[in-house]
Amino acid sequence: KKVPAGYQKDHPQAEYLKYKSWYLEYPMEDDELRDAAVFVTKAAE
């Protein structure tokens, strides 16, 4: 909820300093998986 001790509360990246993990997710519907070749190309991109 707060910037952890040892970091400036007004740091330009203060919101990201609160994080304990940093990850990305791109959801995919079943229909996007049905054509394997198309899926592989899109996933790699």
ModelCIF file with pLDDT and N, C-alpha, C, O atoms, coordinates in Angstrom:
data_MODEL
#
_entry.id   MODEL 
#
_entity.id                         1 
_entity.type                       polymer 
_entity.pdbx_number_of_molecules   1 
#
_entity_poly.entity_id                      1 
_entity_poly.type                           'polypeptide(L)' 
_entity_poly.nstd_linkage                   no 
_entity_poly.nstd_monomer                   no 
_entity_poly.pdbx_seq_one_letter_code       KKVPAGYQKDHPQAEYLKYKSWYLEYPMEDDELRDAAVFVTKAAE 
_entity_poly.pdbx_seq_one_letter_code_can   KKVPAGYQKDHPQAEYLKYKSWYLEYPMEDDELRDAAVFVTKAAE 
_entity_poly.pdbx_strand_id                 A 
#
loop_
_entity_poly_seq.entity_id 
_entity_poly_seq.num 
_entity_poly_seq.mon_id 
_entity_poly_seq.hetero 
1 1  LYS n 
1 2  LYS n 
1 3  VAL n 
1 4  PRO n 
1 5  ALA n 
1 6  GLY n 
1 7  TYR n 
1 8  GLN n 
1 9  LYS n 
1 10 ASP n 
1 11 HIS n 
1 12 PRO n 
1 13 GLN n 
1 14 ALA n 
1 15 GLU n 
1 16 TYR n 
1 17 LEU n 
1 18 LYS n 
1 19 TYR n 
1 20 LYS n 
1 21 SER n 
1 22 TRP n 
1 23 TYR n 
1 24 LEU n 
1 25 GLU n 
1 26 TYR n 
1 27 PRO n 
1 28 MET n 
1 29 GLU n 
1 30 ASP n 
1 31 ASP n 
1 32 GLU n 
1 33 LEU n 
1 34 ARG n 
1 35 ASP n 
1 36 ALA n 
1 37 ALA n 
1 38 VAL n 
1 39 PHE n 
1 40 VAL n 
1 41 THR n 
1 42 LYS n 
1 43 ALA n 
1 44 ALA n 
1 45 GLU n 
#
_struct_asym.id          A 
_struct_asym.entity_id   1 
#
loop_
_ma_qa_metric.id 
_ma_qa_metric.mode 
_ma_qa_metric.name 
_ma_qa_metric.software_group_id 
_ma_qa_metric.type 
1 global pLDDT . pLDDT 
2 local  pLDDT . pLDDT 
#
_ma_qa_metric_global.metric_id      1 
_ma_qa_metric_global.metric_value   96.60 
_ma_qa_metric_global.model_id       1 
_ma_qa_metric_global.ordinal_id     1 
#
loop_
_ma_qa_metric_local.label_asym_id 
_ma_qa_metric_local.label_comp_id 
_ma_qa_metric_local.label_seq_id 
_ma_qa_metric_local.metric_id 
_ma_qa_metric_local.metric_value 
_ma_qa_metric_local.model_id 
_ma_qa_metric_local.ordinal_id 
A LYS 1  2 95.00 1 1  
A LYS 2  2 96.00 1 2  
A VAL 3  2 97.00 1 3  
A PRO 4  2 96.00 1 4  
A ALA 5  2 94.00 1 5  
A GLY 6  2 94.00 1 6  
A TYR 7  2 96.00 1 7  
A GLN 8  2 94.00 1 8  
A LYS 9  2 95.00 1 9  
A ASP 10 2 95.00 1 10 
A HIS 11 2 96.00 1 11 
A PRO 12 2 96.00 1 12 
A GLN 13 2 97.00 1 13 
A ALA 14 2 97.00 1 14 
A GLU 15 2 97.00 1 15 
A TYR 16 2 98.00 1 16 
A LEU 17 2 98.00 1 17 
A LYS 18 2 97.00 1 18 
A TYR 19 2 97.00 1 19 
A LYS 20 2 96.00 1 20 
A SER 21 2 97.00 1 21 
A TRP 22 2 98.00 1 22 
A TYR 23 2 98.00 1 23 
A LEU 24 2 98.00 1 24 
A GLU 25 2 98.00 1 25 
A TYR 26 2 98.00 1 26 
A PRO 27 2 98.00 1 27 
A MET 28 2 96.00 1 28 
A GLU 29 2 96.00 1 29 
A ASP 30 2 96.00 1 30 
A ASP 31 2 96.00 1 31 
A GLU 32 2 96.00 1 32 
A LEU 33 2 96.00 1 33 
A ARG 34 2 95.00 1 34 
A ASP 35 2 96.00 1 35 
A ALA 36 2 96.00 1 36 
A ALA 37 2 96.00 1 37 
A VAL 38 2 97.00 1 38 
A PHE 39 2 97.00 1 39 
A VAL 40 2 98.00 1 40 
A THR 41 2 98.00 1 41 
A LYS 42 2 98.00 1 42 
A ALA 43 2 98.00 1 43 
A ALA 44 2 98.00 1 44 
A GLU 45 2 98.00 1 45 
#
loop_
_atom_site.group_PDB 
_atom_site.id 
_atom_site.type_symbol 
_atom_site.label_atom_id 
_atom_site.label_alt_id 
_atom_site.label_comp_id 
_atom_site.label_asym_id 
_atom_site.label_entity_id 
_atom_site.label_seq_id 
_atom_site.pdbx_PDB_ins_code 
_atom_site.Cartn_x 
_atom_site.Cartn_y 
_atom_site.Cartn_z 
_atom_site.occupancy 
_atom_site.B_iso_or_equiv 
_atom_site.pdbx_formal_charge 
_atom_site.auth_seq_id 
_atom_site.auth_comp_id 
_atom_site.auth_asym_id 
_atom_site.auth_atom_id 
_atom_site.pdbx_PDB_model_num 
ATOM 1   N N  . LYS A 1 1  ? 0.828   -1.212  0.000   1.00 95.00 ? 1  LYS A N  1 
ATOM 2   C CA . LYS A 1 1  ? 0.000   0.000   0.000   1.00 95.00 ? 1  LYS A CA 1 
ATOM 3   C C  . LYS A 1 1  ? 0.859   1.258   0.000   1.00 95.00 ? 1  LYS A C  1 
ATOM 4   O O  . LYS A 1 1  ? 0.439   2.304   -0.496  1.00 95.00 ? 1  LYS A O  1 
ATOM 5   N N  . LYS A 1 2  ? 2.077   1.151   0.565   1.00 96.00 ? 2  LYS A N  1 
ATOM 6   C CA . LYS A 1 2  ? 2.954   2.317   0.661   1.00 96.00 ? 2  LYS A CA 1 
ATOM 7   C C  . LYS A 1 2  ? 4.321   1.991   0.076   1.00 96.00 ? 2  LYS A C  1 
ATOM 8   O O  . LYS A 1 2  ? 4.700   0.825   -0.028  1.00 96.00 ? 2  LYS A O  1 
ATOM 9   N N  . VAL A 1 3  ? 5.054   3.027   -0.301  1.00 97.00 ? 3  VAL A N  1 
ATOM 10  C CA . VAL A 1 3  ? 6.432   2.847   -0.746  1.00 97.00 ? 3  VAL A CA 1 
ATOM 11  C C  . VAL A 1 3  ? 7.240   2.273   0.413   1.00 97.00 ? 3  VAL A C  1 
ATOM 12  O O  . VAL A 1 3  ? 7.187   2.823   1.512   1.00 97.00 ? 3  VAL A O  1 
ATOM 13  N N  . PRO A 1 4  ? 7.981   1.194   0.211   1.00 96.00 ? 4  PRO A N  1 
ATOM 14  C CA . PRO A 1 4  ? 8.702   0.565   1.327   1.00 96.00 ? 4  PRO A CA 1 
ATOM 15  C C  . PRO A 1 4  ? 9.814   1.456   1.877   1.00 96.00 ? 4  PRO A C  1 
ATOM 16  O O  . PRO A 1 4  ? 10.319  2.347   1.194   1.00 96.00 ? 4  PRO A O  1 
ATOM 17  N N  . ALA A 1 5  ? 10.175  1.195   3.111   1.00 94.00 ? 5  ALA A N  1 
ATOM 18  C CA . ALA A 1 5  ? 11.247  1.947   3.771   1.00 94.00 ? 5  ALA A CA 1 
ATOM 19  C C  . ALA A 1 5  ? 12.529  1.841   2.966   1.00 94.00 ? 5  ALA A C  1 
ATOM 20  O O  . ALA A 1 5  ? 12.841  0.790   2.406   1.00 94.00 ? 5  ALA A O  1 
ATOM 21  N N  . GLY A 1 6  ? 13.272  2.952   2.913   1.00 94.00 ? 6  GLY A N  1 
ATOM 22  C CA . GLY A 1 6  ? 14.532  2.980   2.189   1.00 94.00 ? 6  GLY A CA 1 
ATOM 23  C C  . GLY A 1 6  ? 14.418  3.583   0.802   1.00 94.00 ? 6  GLY A C  1 
ATOM 24  O O  . GLY A 1 6  ? 15.426  3.757   0.117   1.00 94.00 ? 6  GLY A O  1 
ATOM 25  N N  . TYR A 1 7  ? 13.192  3.907   0.375   1.00 96.00 ? 7  TYR A N  1 
ATOM 26  C CA . TYR A 1 7  ? 12.972  4.511   -0.941  1.00 96.00 ? 7  TYR A CA 1 
ATOM 27  C C  . TYR A 1 7  ? 12.200  5.823   -0.776  1.00 96.00 ? 7  TYR A C  1 
ATOM 28  O O  . TYR A 1 7  ? 11.361  5.959   0.113   1.00 96.00 ? 7  TYR A O  1 
ATOM 29  N N  . GLN A 1 8  ? 12.499  6.766   -1.639  1.00 94.00 ? 8  GLN A N  1 
ATOM 30  C CA . GLN A 1 8  ? 11.833  8.063   -1.558  1.00 94.00 ? 8  GLN A CA 1 
ATOM 31  C C  . GLN A 1 8  ? 10.351  7.934   -1.896  1.00 94.00 ? 8  GLN A C  1 
ATOM 32  O O  . GLN A 1 8  ? 9.973   7.342   -2.907  1.00 94.00 ? 8  GLN A O  1 
ATOM 33  N N  . LYS A 1 9  ? 9.530   8.502   -1.027  1.00 95.00 ? 9  LYS A N  1 
ATOM 34  C CA . LYS A 1 9  ? 8.082   8.427   -1.247  1.00 95.00 ? 9  LYS A CA 1 
ATOM 35  C C  . LYS A 1 9  ? 7.652   9.194   -2.499  1.00 95.00 ? 9  LYS A C  1 
ATOM 36  O O  . LYS A 1 9  ? 6.635   8.871   -3.113  1.00 95.00 ? 9  LYS A O  1 
ATOM 37  N N  . ASP A 1 10 ? 8.437   10.218  -2.873  1.00 95.00 ? 10 ASP A N  1 
ATOM 38  C CA . ASP A 1 10 ? 8.103   11.001  -4.055  1.00 95.00 ? 10 ASP A CA 1 
ATOM 39  C C  . ASP A 1 10 ? 8.957   10.623  -5.268  1.00 95.00 ? 10 ASP A C  1 
ATOM 40  O O  . ASP A 1 10 ? 9.082   11.403  -6.212  1.00 95.00 ? 10 ASP A O  1 
ATOM 41  N N  . HIS A 1 11 ? 9.539   9.432   -5.236  1.00 96.00 ? 11 HIS A N  1 
ATOM 42  C CA . HIS A 1 11 ? 10.339  8.958   -6.364  1.00 96.00 ? 11 HIS A CA 1 
ATOM 43  C C  . HIS A 1 11 ? 9.452   8.900   -7.611  1.00 96.00 ? 11 HIS A C  1 
ATOM 44  O O  . HIS A 1 11 ? 8.287   8.515   -7.509  1.00 96.00 ? 11 HIS A O  1 
ATOM 45  N N  . PRO A 1 12 ? 9.977   9.277   -8.795  1.00 96.00 ? 12 PRO A N  1 
ATOM 46  C CA . PRO A 1 12 ? 9.159   9.247   -10.020 1.00 96.00 ? 12 PRO A CA 1 
ATOM 47  C C  . PRO A 1 12 ? 8.521   7.881   -10.305 1.00 96.00 ? 12 PRO A C  1 
ATOM 48  O O  . PRO A 1 12 ? 7.460   7.802   -10.924 1.00 96.00 ? 12 PRO A O  1 
ATOM 49  N N  . GLN A 1 13 ? 9.179   6.807   -9.846  1.00 97.00 ? 13 GLN A N  1 
ATOM 50  C CA . GLN A 1 13 ? 8.623   5.460   -10.051 1.00 97.00 ? 13 GLN A CA 1 
ATOM 51  C C  . GLN A 1 13 ? 8.081   4.878   -8.739  1.00 97.00 ? 13 GLN A C  1 
ATOM 52  O O  . GLN A 1 13 ? 8.102   3.664   -8.533  1.00 97.00 ? 13 GLN A O  1 
ATOM 53  N N  . ALA A 1 14 ? 7.603   5.744   -7.871  1.00 97.00 ? 14 ALA A N  1 
ATOM 54  C CA . ALA A 1 14 ? 7.148   5.309   -6.544  1.00 97.00 ? 14 ALA A CA 1 
ATOM 55  C C  . ALA A 1 14 ? 6.106   4.192   -6.627  1.00 97.00 ? 14 ALA A C  1 
ATOM 56  O O  . ALA A 1 14 ? 6.152   3.242   -5.845  1.00 97.00 ? 14 ALA A O  1 
ATOM 57  N N  . GLU A 1 15 ? 5.177   4.302   -7.564  1.00 97.00 ? 15 GLU A N  1 
ATOM 58  C CA . GLU A 1 15 ? 4.126   3.289   -7.668  1.00 97.00 ? 15 GLU A CA 1 
ATOM 59  C C  . GLU A 1 15 ? 4.716   1.913   -7.959  1.00 97.00 ? 15 GLU A C  1 
ATOM 60  O O  . GLU A 1 15 ? 4.238   0.906   -7.436  1.00 97.00 ? 15 GLU A O  1 
ATOM 61  N N  . TYR A 1 16 ? 5.752   1.868   -8.791  1.00 98.00 ? 16 TYR A N  1 
ATOM 62  C CA . TYR A 1 16 ? 6.349   0.580   -9.138  1.00 98.00 ? 16 TYR A CA 1 
ATOM 63  C C  . TYR A 1 16 ? 7.290   0.082   -8.040  1.00 98.00 ? 16 TYR A C  1 
ATOM 64  O O  . TYR A 1 16 ? 7.575   -1.113  -7.972  1.00 98.00 ? 16 TYR A O  1 
ATOM 65  N N  . LEU A 1 17 ? 7.772   0.973   -7.191  1.00 98.00 ? 17 LEU A N  1 
ATOM 66  C CA . LEU A 1 17 ? 8.606   0.547   -6.063  1.00 98.00 ? 17 LEU A CA 1 
ATOM 67  C C  . LEU A 1 17 ? 7.769   -0.166  -4.997  1.00 98.00 ? 17 LEU A C  1 
ATOM 68  O O  . LEU A 1 17 ? 8.315   -0.880  -4.156  1.00 98.00 ? 17 LEU A O  1 
ATOM 69  N N  . LYS A 1 18 ? 6.466   0.022   -5.029  1.00 97.00 ? 18 LYS A N  1 
ATOM 70  C CA . LYS A 1 18 ? 5.576   -0.682  -4.099  1.00 97.00 ? 18 LYS A CA 1 
ATOM 71  C C  . LYS A 1 18 ? 5.427   -2.157  -4.473  1.00 97.00 ? 18 LYS A C  1 
ATOM 72  O O  . LYS A 1 18 ? 5.056   -2.984  -3.640  1.00 97.00 ? 18 LYS A O  1 
ATOM 73  N N  . TYR A 1 19 ? 5.718   -2.471  -5.720  1.00 97.00 ? 19 TYR A N  1 
ATOM 74  C CA . TYR A 1 19 ? 5.487   -3.829  -6.198  1.00 97.00 ? 19 TYR A CA 1 
ATOM 75  C C  . TYR A 1 19 ? 6.449   -4.831  -5.557  1.00 97.00 ? 19 TYR A C  1 
ATOM 76  O O  . TYR A 1 19 ? 7.583   -4.499  -5.214  1.00 97.00 ? 19 TYR A O  1 
ATOM 77  N N  . LYS A 1 20 ? 5.970   -6.049  -5.409  1.00 96.00 ? 20 LYS A N  1 
ATOM 78  C CA . LYS A 1 20 ? 6.816   -7.174  -4.980  1.00 96.00 ? 20 LYS A CA 1 
ATOM 79  C C  . LYS A 1 20 ? 7.111   -8.116  -6.150  1.00 96.00 ? 20 LYS A C  1 
ATOM 80  O O  . LYS A 1 20 ? 8.023   -8.941  -6.080  1.00 96.00 ? 20 LYS A O  1 
ATOM 81  N N  . SER A 1 21 ? 6.334   -7.984  -7.217  1.00 97.00 ? 21 SER A N  1 
ATOM 82  C CA . SER A 1 21 ? 6.548   -8.725  -8.456  1.00 97.00 ? 21 SER A CA 1 
ATOM 83  C C  . SER A 1 21 ? 6.134   -7.816  -9.603  1.00 97.00 ? 21 SER A C  1 
ATOM 84  O O  . SER A 1 21 ? 5.315   -6.912  -9.438  1.00 97.00 ? 21 SER A O  1 
ATOM 85  N N  . TRP A 1 22 ? 6.715   -8.075  -10.765 1.00 98.00 ? 22 TRP A N  1 
ATOM 86  C CA . TRP A 1 22 ? 6.457   -7.245  -11.949 1.00 98.00 ? 22 TRP A CA 1 
ATOM 87  C C  . TRP A 1 22 ? 6.285   -8.186  -13.135 1.00 98.00 ? 22 TRP A C  1 
ATOM 88  O O  . TRP A 1 22 ? 7.253   -8.794  -13.593 1.00 98.00 ? 22 TRP A O  1 
ATOM 89  N N  . TYR A 1 23 ? 5.070   -8.307  -13.630 1.00 98.00 ? 23 TYR A N  1 
ATOM 90  C CA . TYR A 1 23 ? 4.865   -9.260  -14.710 1.00 98.00 ? 23 TYR A CA 1 
ATOM 91  C C  . TYR A 1 23 ? 3.839   -8.753  -15.717 1.00 98.00 ? 23 TYR A C  1 
ATOM 92  O O  . TYR A 1 23 ? 3.134   -7.770  -15.488 1.00 98.00 ? 23 TYR A O  1 
ATOM 93  N N  . LEU A 1 24 ? 3.783   -9.469  -16.849 1.00 98.00 ? 24 LEU A N  1 
ATOM 94  C CA . LEU A 1 24 ? 2.888   -9.132  -17.948 1.00 98.00 ? 24 LEU A CA 1 
ATOM 95  C C  . LEU A 1 24 ? 2.013   -10.339 -18.254 1.00 98.00 ? 24 LEU A C  1 
ATOM 96  O O  . LEU A 1 24 ? 2.453   -11.483 -18.141 1.00 98.00 ? 24 LEU A O  1 
ATOM 97  N N  . GLU A 1 25 ? 0.779   -10.073 -18.642 1.00 98.00 ? 25 GLU A N  1 
ATOM 98  C CA . GLU A 1 25 ? -0.122  -11.132 -19.084 1.00 98.00 ? 25 GLU A CA 1 
ATOM 99  C C  . GLU A 1 25 ? -0.887  -10.670 -20.311 1.00 98.00 ? 25 GLU A C  1 
ATOM 100 O O  . GLU A 1 25 ? -1.408  -9.555  -20.347 1.00 98.00 ? 25 GLU A O  1 
ATOM 101 N N  . TYR A 1 26 ? -0.950  -11.529 -21.312 1.00 98.00 ? 26 TYR A N  1 
ATOM 102 C CA . TYR A 1 26 ? -1.764  -11.264 -22.491 1.00 98.00 ? 26 TYR A CA 1 
ATOM 103 C C  . TYR A 1 26 ? -2.746  -12.416 -22.614 1.00 98.00 ? 26 TYR A C  1 
ATOM 104 O O  . TYR A 1 26 ? -2.347  -13.519 -22.988 1.00 98.00 ? 26 TYR A O  1 
ATOM 105 N N  . PRO A 1 27 ? -4.038  -12.188 -22.304 1.00 98.00 ? 27 PRO A N  1 
ATOM 106 C CA . PRO A 1 27 ? -5.024  -13.277 -22.342 1.00 98.00 ? 27 PRO A CA 1 
ATOM 107 C C  . PRO A 1 27 ? -5.324  -13.721 -23.763 1.00 98.00 ? 27 PRO A C  1 
ATOM 108 O O  . PRO A 1 27 ? -5.281  -12.923 -24.700 1.00 98.00 ? 27 PRO A O  1 
ATOM 109 N N  . MET A 1 28 ? -5.631  -15.010 -23.909 1.00 96.00 ? 28 MET A N  1 
ATOM 110 C CA . MET A 1 28 ? -5.956  -15.558 -25.225 1.00 96.00 ? 28 MET A CA 1 
ATOM 111 C C  . MET A 1 28 ? -7.200  -16.427 -25.122 1.00 96.00 ? 28 MET A C  1 
ATOM 112 O O  . MET A 1 28 ? -7.307  -17.286 -24.247 1.00 96.00 ? 28 MET A O  1 
ATOM 113 N N  . GLU A 1 29 ? -8.137  -16.189 -26.031 1.00 96.00 ? 29 GLU A N  1 
ATOM 114 C CA . GLU A 1 29 ? -9.351  -16.993 -26.109 1.00 96.00 ? 29 GLU A CA 1 
ATOM 115 C C  . GLU A 1 29 ? -9.054  -18.314 -26.820 1.00 96.00 ? 29 GLU A C  1 
ATOM 116 O O  . GLU A 1 29 ? -8.069  -18.438 -27.548 1.00 96.00 ? 29 GLU A O  1 
ATOM 117 N N  . ASP A 1 30 ? -9.923  -19.291 -26.594 1.00 96.00 ? 30 ASP A N  1 
ATOM 118 C CA . ASP A 1 30 ? -9.722  -20.608 -27.202 1.00 96.00 ? 30 ASP A CA 1 
ATOM 119 C C  . ASP A 1 30 ? -9.617  -20.519 -28.720 1.00 96.00 ? 30 ASP A C  1 
ATOM 120 O O  . ASP A 1 30 ? -8.815  -21.227 -29.329 1.00 96.00 ? 30 ASP A O  1 
ATOM 121 N N  . ASP A 1 31 ? -10.420 -19.656 -29.331 1.00 96.00 ? 31 ASP A N  1 
ATOM 122 C CA . ASP A 1 31 ? -10.409 -19.541 -30.793 1.00 96.00 ? 31 ASP A CA 1 
ATOM 123 C C  . ASP A 1 31 ? -9.048  -19.094 -31.332 1.00 96.00 ? 31 ASP A C  1 
ATOM 124 O O  . ASP A 1 31 ? -8.690  -19.411 -32.466 1.00 96.00 ? 31 ASP A O  1 
ATOM 125 N N  . GLU A 1 32 ? -8.288  -18.350 -30.508 1.00 96.00 ? 32 GLU A N  1 
ATOM 126 C CA . GLU A 1 32 ? -6.968  -17.885 -30.941 1.00 96.00 ? 32 GLU A CA 1 
ATOM 127 C C  . GLU A 1 32 ? -5.932  -19.005 -30.922 1.00 96.00 ? 32 GLU A C  1 
ATOM 128 O O  . GLU A 1 32 ? -4.828  -18.848 -31.444 1.00 96.00 ? 32 GLU A O  1 
ATOM 129 N N  . LEU A 1 33 ? -6.294  -20.126 -30.322 1.00 96.00 ? 33 LEU A N  1 
ATOM 130 C CA . LEU A 1 33 ? -5.359  -21.248 -30.189 1.00 96.00 ? 33 LEU A CA 1 
ATOM 131 C C  . LEU A 1 33 ? -5.622  -22.356 -31.197 1.00 96.00 ? 33 LEU A C  1 
ATOM 132 O O  . LEU A 1 33 ? -4.798  -23.257 -31.355 1.00 96.00 ? 33 LEU A O  1 
ATOM 133 N N  . ARG A 1 34 ? -6.749  -22.303 -31.876 1.00 95.00 ? 34 ARG A N  1 
ATOM 134 C CA . ARG A 1 34 ? -7.164  -23.450 -32.688 1.00 95.00 ? 34 ARG A CA 1 
ATOM 135 C C  . ARG A 1 34 ? -6.273  -23.669 -33.909 1.00 95.00 ? 34 ARG A C  1 
ATOM 136 O O  . ARG A 1 34 ? -6.051  -24.810 -34.315 1.00 95.00 ? 34 ARG A O  1 
ATOM 137 N N  . ASP A 1 35 ? -5.765  -22.596 -34.494 1.00 96.00 ? 35 ASP A N  1 
ATOM 138 C CA . ASP A 1 35 ? -4.826  -22.713 -35.614 1.00 96.00 ? 35 ASP A CA 1 
ATOM 139 C C  . ASP A 1 35 ? -3.414  -22.575 -35.039 1.00 96.00 ? 35 ASP A C  1 
ATOM 140 O O  . ASP A 1 35 ? -2.972  -21.474 -34.711 1.00 96.00 ? 35 ASP A O  1 
ATOM 141 N N  . ALA A 1 36 ? -2.725  -23.690 -34.924 1.00 96.00 ? 36 ALA A N  1 
ATOM 142 C CA . ALA A 1 36 ? -1.434  -23.713 -34.236 1.00 96.00 ? 36 ALA A CA 1 
ATOM 143 C C  . ALA A 1 36 ? -0.413  -22.787 -34.885 1.00 96.00 ? 36 ALA A C  1 
ATOM 144 O O  . ALA A 1 36 ? 0.303   -22.066 -34.190 1.00 96.00 ? 36 ALA A O  1 
ATOM 145 N N  . ALA A 1 37 ? -0.343  -22.802 -36.207 1.00 96.00 ? 37 ALA A N  1 
ATOM 146 C CA . ALA A 1 37 ? 0.653   -21.987 -36.911 1.00 96.00 ? 37 ALA A CA 1 
ATOM 147 C C  . ALA A 1 37 ? 0.399   -20.501 -36.684 1.00 96.00 ? 37 ALA A C  1 
ATOM 148 O O  . ALA A 1 37 ? 1.336   -19.734 -36.460 1.00 96.00 ? 37 ALA A O  1 
ATOM 149 N N  . VAL A 1 38 ? -0.863  -20.098 -36.741 1.00 97.00 ? 38 VAL A N  1 
ATOM 150 C CA . VAL A 1 38 ? -1.215  -18.695 -36.501 1.00 97.00 ? 38 VAL A CA 1 
ATOM 151 C C  . VAL A 1 38 ? -0.890  -18.317 -35.057 1.00 97.00 ? 38 VAL A C  1 
ATOM 152 O O  . VAL A 1 38 ? -0.363  -17.238 -34.788 1.00 97.00 ? 38 VAL A O  1 
ATOM 153 N N  . PHE A 1 39 ? -1.215  -19.229 -34.130 1.00 97.00 ? 39 PHE A N  1 
ATOM 154 C CA . PHE A 1 39 ? -0.922  -18.959 -32.719 1.00 97.00 ? 39 PHE A CA 1 
ATOM 155 C C  . PHE A 1 39 ? 0.570   -18.772 -32.492 1.00 97.00 ? 39 PHE A C  1 
ATOM 156 O O  . PHE A 1 39 ? 0.974   -17.818 -31.827 1.00 97.00 ? 39 PHE A O  1 
ATOM 157 N N  . VAL A 1 40 ? 1.396   -19.662 -33.031 1.00 98.00 ? 40 VAL A N  1 
ATOM 158 C CA . VAL A 1 40 ? 2.848   -19.586 -32.835 1.00 98.00 ? 40 VAL A CA 1 
ATOM 159 C C  . VAL A 1 40 ? 3.388   -18.251 -33.342 1.00 98.00 ? 40 VAL A C  1 
ATOM 160 O O  . VAL A 1 40 ? 4.214   -17.622 -32.681 1.00 98.00 ? 40 VAL A O  1 
ATOM 161 N N  . THR A 1 41 ? 2.930   -17.826 -34.497 1.00 98.00 ? 41 THR A N  1 
ATOM 162 C CA . THR A 1 41 ? 3.386   -16.554 -35.071 1.00 98.00 ? 41 THR A CA 1 
ATOM 163 C C  . THR A 1 41 ? 2.999   -15.378 -34.176 1.00 98.00 ? 41 THR A C  1 
ATOM 164 O O  . THR A 1 41 ? 3.815   -14.495 -33.912 1.00 98.00 ? 41 THR A O  1 
ATOM 165 N N  . LYS A 1 42 ? 1.755   -15.375 -33.716 1.00 98.00 ? 42 LYS A N  1 
ATOM 166 C CA . LYS A 1 42 ? 1.292   -14.272 -32.862 1.00 98.00 ? 42 LYS A CA 1 
ATOM 167 C C  . LYS A 1 42 ? 2.000   -14.285 -31.510 1.00 98.00 ? 42 LYS A C  1 
ATOM 168 O O  . LYS A 1 42 ? 2.435   -13.240 -31.026 1.00 98.00 ? 42 LYS A O  1 
ATOM 169 N N  . ALA A 1 43 ? 2.117   -15.460 -30.901 1.00 98.00 ? 43 ALA A N  1 
ATOM 170 C CA . ALA A 1 43 ? 2.761   -15.563 -29.591 1.00 98.00 ? 43 ALA A CA 1 
ATOM 171 C C  . ALA A 1 43 ? 4.212   -15.099 -29.660 1.00 98.00 ? 43 ALA A C  1 
ATOM 172 O O  . ALA A 1 43 ? 4.671   -14.361 -28.789 1.00 98.00 ? 43 ALA A O  1 
ATOM 173 N N  . ALA A 1 44 ? 4.931   -15.525 -30.686 1.00 98.00 ? 44 ALA A N  1 
ATOM 174 C CA . ALA A 1 44 ? 6.331   -15.128 -30.827 1.00 98.00 ? 44 ALA A CA 1 
ATOM 175 C C  . ALA A 1 44 ? 6.455   -13.620 -30.993 1.00 98.00 ? 44 ALA A C  1 
ATOM 176 O O  . ALA A 1 44 ? 7.371   -13.013 -30.440 1.00 98.00 ? 44 ALA A O  1 
ATOM 177 N N  . GLU A 1 45 ? 5.552   -13.012 -31.742 1.00 98.00 ? 45 GLU A N  1 
ATOM 178 C CA . GLU A 1 45 ? 5.587   -11.562 -31.931 1.00 98.00 ? 45 GLU A CA 1 
ATOM 179 C C  . GLU A 1 45 ? 5.332   -10.827 -30.618 1.00 98.00 ? 45 GLU A C  1 
ATOM 180 O O  . GLU A 1 45 ? 5.325   -9.597  -30.590 1.00 98.00 ? 45 GLU A O  1 
#
